Amino acid sequence: KIGSVMLIESKNGSVRANHYHKVDWHYCYVISGSIEYYCRLVGSENKPNIFQIHTNQIFYTPPLVEHAMVFNEDASFFVFSGGTRLQNDYENDLVRVKLL
């Protein structure tokens, strides 16, 4: 079940996320540009995995996975989440980390 859909636009040089979700999950579908996606399991001391996500590609972030996105060009992507994106719901499920 999808609880919310958002369109996000990010500018070249920006960094997003640097957090994980306790319960929520999301799929991201890139409609333009690309995303350098960093992820690792919560509590891991390992360096994060890095994936290059390009236009027309989709990726999944489950709960309890620290993640961050770096934008080396302008990009737009849809986020399909299990939970709502009402500010209070979102903040209660989110834990900020310093992945990058």
C-alpha atoms as a PDB file:
ATOM      1  CA  LYS A   1       0.000   0.000   0.000  1.00  0.00           C
ATOM      2  CA  ILE A   2       1.329   3.427  -0.951  1.00  0.00           C
ATOM      3  CA  GLY A   3       0.588   6.164   1.582  1.00  0.00           C
ATOM      4  CA  SER A   4       2.038   9.111  -0.348  1.00  0.00           C
ATOM      5  CA  VAL A   5       3.528  10.197  -3.646  1.00  0.00           C
ATOM      6  CA  MET A   6       5.781  13.235  -4.006  1.00  0.00           C
ATOM      7  CA  LEU A   7       7.632  14.927  -6.820  1.00  0.00           C
ATOM      8  CA  ILE A   8      11.027  16.214  -5.661  1.00  0.00           C
ATOM      9  CA  GLU A   9      13.321  18.483  -7.647  1.00  0.00           C
ATOM     10  CA  SER A  10      16.948  18.831  -6.568  1.00  0.00           C
ATOM     11  CA  LYS A  11      19.629  21.182  -7.832  1.00  0.00           C
ATOM     12  CA  ASN A  12      23.177  20.328  -8.856  1.00  0.00           C
ATOM     13  CA  GLY A  13      25.418  20.233  -5.773  1.00  0.00           C
ATOM     14  CA  SER A  14      22.682  19.450  -3.255  1.00  0.00           C
ATOM     15  CA  VAL A  15      22.596  16.578  -0.755  1.00  0.00           C
ATOM     16  CA  ARG A  16      19.349  15.052   0.520  1.00  0.00           C
ATOM     17  CA  ALA A  17      18.369  12.570   3.207  1.00  0.00           C
ATOM     18  CA  ASN A  18      21.233  11.596   5.575  1.00  0.00           C
ATOM     19  CA  HIS A  19      18.660   9.669   7.602  1.00  0.00           C
ATOM     20  CA  TYR A  20      16.856   6.376   7.957  1.00  0.00           C
ATOM     21  CA  HIS A  21      13.253   5.401   8.608  1.00  0.00           C
ATOM     22  CA  LYS A  22      12.241   3.213  11.539  1.00  0.00           C
ATOM     23  CA  VAL A  23       9.229   1.692   9.753  1.00  0.00           C
ATOM     24  CA  ASP A  24       8.581   3.552   6.504  1.00  0.00           C
ATOM     25  CA  TRP A  25      10.048   2.613   3.123  1.00  0.00           C
ATOM     26  CA  HIS A  26      10.097   4.261  -0.298  1.00  0.00           C
ATOM     27  CA  TYR A  27      10.643   3.722  -3.997  1.00  0.00           C
ATOM     28  CA  CYS A  28      12.253   6.555  -5.973  1.00  0.00           C
ATOM     29  CA  TYR A  29      11.783   6.817  -9.729  1.00  0.00           C
ATOM     30  CA  VAL A  30      14.121   9.252 -11.511  1.00  0.00           C
ATOM     31  CA  ILE A  31      12.384  11.205 -14.277  1.00  0.00           C
ATOM     32  CA  SER A  32      15.316  13.479 -15.160  1.00  0.00           C
ATOM     33  CA  GLY A  33      18.962  13.776 -14.201  1.00  0.00           C
ATOM     34  CA  SER A  34      20.707  11.293 -11.937  1.00  0.00           C
ATOM     35  CA  ILE A  35      21.274  10.516  -8.272  1.00  0.00           C
ATOM     36  CA  GLU A  36      24.387   9.257  -6.516  1.00  0.00           C
ATOM     37  CA  TYR A  37      22.743   7.076  -3.837  1.00  0.00           C
ATOM     38  CA  TYR A  38      24.570   6.048  -0.639  1.00  0.00           C
ATOM     39  CA  CYS A  39      23.185   3.383   1.708  1.00  0.00           C
ATOM     40  CA  ARG A  40      24.088   0.974   4.495  1.00  0.00           C
ATOM     41  CA  LEU A  41      22.307  -0.902   7.283  1.00  0.00           C
ATOM     42  CA  VAL A  42      21.680   1.018  10.491  1.00  0.00           C
ATOM     43  CA  GLY A  43      24.544   0.562  12.936  1.00  0.00           C
ATOM     44  CA  SER A  44      27.052  -0.575  10.320  1.00  0.00           C
ATOM     45  CA  GLU A  45      30.596   0.748  10.592  1.00  0.00           C
ATOM     46  CA  ASN A  46      31.250  -0.075   6.918  1.00  0.00           C
ATOM     47  CA  LYS A  47      31.487   2.577   4.260  1.00  0.00           C
ATOM     48  CA  PRO A  48      28.143   3.019   2.514  1.00  0.00           C
ATOM     49  CA  ASN A  49      27.395   1.314  -0.792  1.00  0.00           C
ATOM     50  CA  ILE A  50      27.223   3.778  -3.675  1.00  0.00           C
ATOM     51  CA  PHE A  51      24.890   3.423  -6.654  1.00  0.00           C
ATOM     52  CA  GLN A  52      24.486   5.646  -9.702  1.00  0.00           C
ATOM     53  CA  ILE A  53      20.774   5.983 -10.471  1.00  0.00           C
ATOM     54  CA  HIS A  54      19.891   7.439 -13.870  1.00  0.00           C
ATOM     55  CA  THR A  55      16.801   8.713 -15.677  1.00  0.00           C
ATOM     56  CA  ASN A  56      14.053   6.062 -15.959  1.00  0.00           C
ATOM     57  CA  GLN A  57      15.516   3.945 -13.154  1.00  0.00           C
ATOM     58  CA  ILE A  58      13.832   3.104  -9.856  1.00  0.00           C
ATOM     59  CA  PHE A  59      15.325   2.115  -6.511  1.00  0.00           C
ATOM     60  CA  TYR A  60      13.978   0.944  -3.176  1.00  0.00           C
ATOM     61  CA  THR A  61      14.931   1.975   0.363  1.00  0.00           C
ATOM     62  CA  PRO A  62      13.599  -0.336   3.098  1.00  0.00           C
ATOM     63  CA  PRO A  63      13.291   0.641   6.767  1.00  0.00           C
ATOM     64  CA  LEU A  64      16.459   0.689   8.888  1.00  0.00           C
ATOM     65  CA  VAL A  65      18.741   1.594   5.989  1.00  0.00           C
ATOM     66  CA  GLU A  66      20.763   4.782   6.348  1.00  0.00           C
ATOM     67  CA  HIS A  67      20.665   6.643   3.050  1.00  0.00           C
ATOM     68  CA  ALA A  68      21.751   9.858   1.387  1.00  0.00           C
ATOM     69  CA  MET A  69      21.524  11.277  -2.121  1.00  0.00           C
ATOM     70  CA  VAL A  70      24.048  13.508  -3.872  1.00  0.00           C
ATOM     71  CA  PHE A  71      23.063  15.451  -6.971  1.00  0.00           C
ATOM     72  CA  ASN A  72      25.835  16.152  -9.458  1.00  0.00           C
ATOM     73  CA  GLU A  73      23.266  17.624 -11.848  1.00  0.00           C
ATOM     74  CA  ASP A  74      19.704  18.922 -11.576  1.00  0.00           C
ATOM     75  CA  ALA A  75      17.304  16.014 -11.076  1.00  0.00           C
ATOM     76  CA  SER A  76      13.603  15.305 -10.608  1.00  0.00           C
ATOM     77  CA  PHE A  77      12.195  12.134  -9.096  1.00  0.00           C
ATOM     78  CA  PHE A  78       8.991  10.673  -7.721  1.00  0.00           C
ATOM     79  CA  VAL A  79       8.943   9.184  -4.216  1.00  0.00           C
ATOM     80  CA  PHE A  80       6.347   6.491  -3.468  1.00  0.00           C
ATOM     81  CA  SER A  81       6.196   5.828   0.288  1.00  0.00           C
ATOM     82  CA  GLY A  82       4.327   3.442   2.522  1.00  0.00           C
ATOM     83  CA  GLY A  83       3.604   6.112   5.129  1.00  0.00           C
ATOM     84  CA  THR A  84       2.152   9.565   4.892  1.00  0.00           C
ATOM     85  CA  ARG A  85       4.341  12.604   4.477  1.00  0.00           C
ATOM     86  CA  LEU A  86       2.403  14.612   7.039  1.00  0.00           C
ATOM     87  CA  GLN A  87       5.182  16.440   8.873  1.00  0.00           C
ATOM     88  CA  ASN A  88       4.520  14.933  12.312  1.00  0.00           C
ATOM     89  CA  ASP A  89       4.217  11.345  10.987  1.00  0.00           C
ATOM     90  CA  TYR A  90       7.337  11.763   8.868  1.00  0.00           C
ATOM     91  CA  GLU A  91       9.478  13.251  11.679  1.00  0.00           C
ATOM     92  CA  ASN A  92       8.392  10.588  14.196  1.00  0.00           C
ATOM     93  CA  ASP A  93       9.584   7.824  11.844  1.00  0.00           C
ATOM     94  CA  LEU A  94      12.836   9.533  10.821  1.00  0.00           C
ATOM     95  CA  VAL A  95      16.279   9.335  12.457  1.00  0.00           C
ATOM     96  CA  ARG A  96      18.893  11.768  11.158  1.00  0.00           C
ATOM     97  CA  VAL A  97      22.444  10.452  10.674  1.00  0.00           C
ATOM     98  CA  LYS A  98      25.697  11.753   9.222  1.00  0.00           C
ATOM     99  CA  LEU A  99      26.207   9.240   6.396  1.00  0.00           C
ATOM    100  CA  LEU A 100      28.154  11.746   4.270  1.00  0.00           C
END
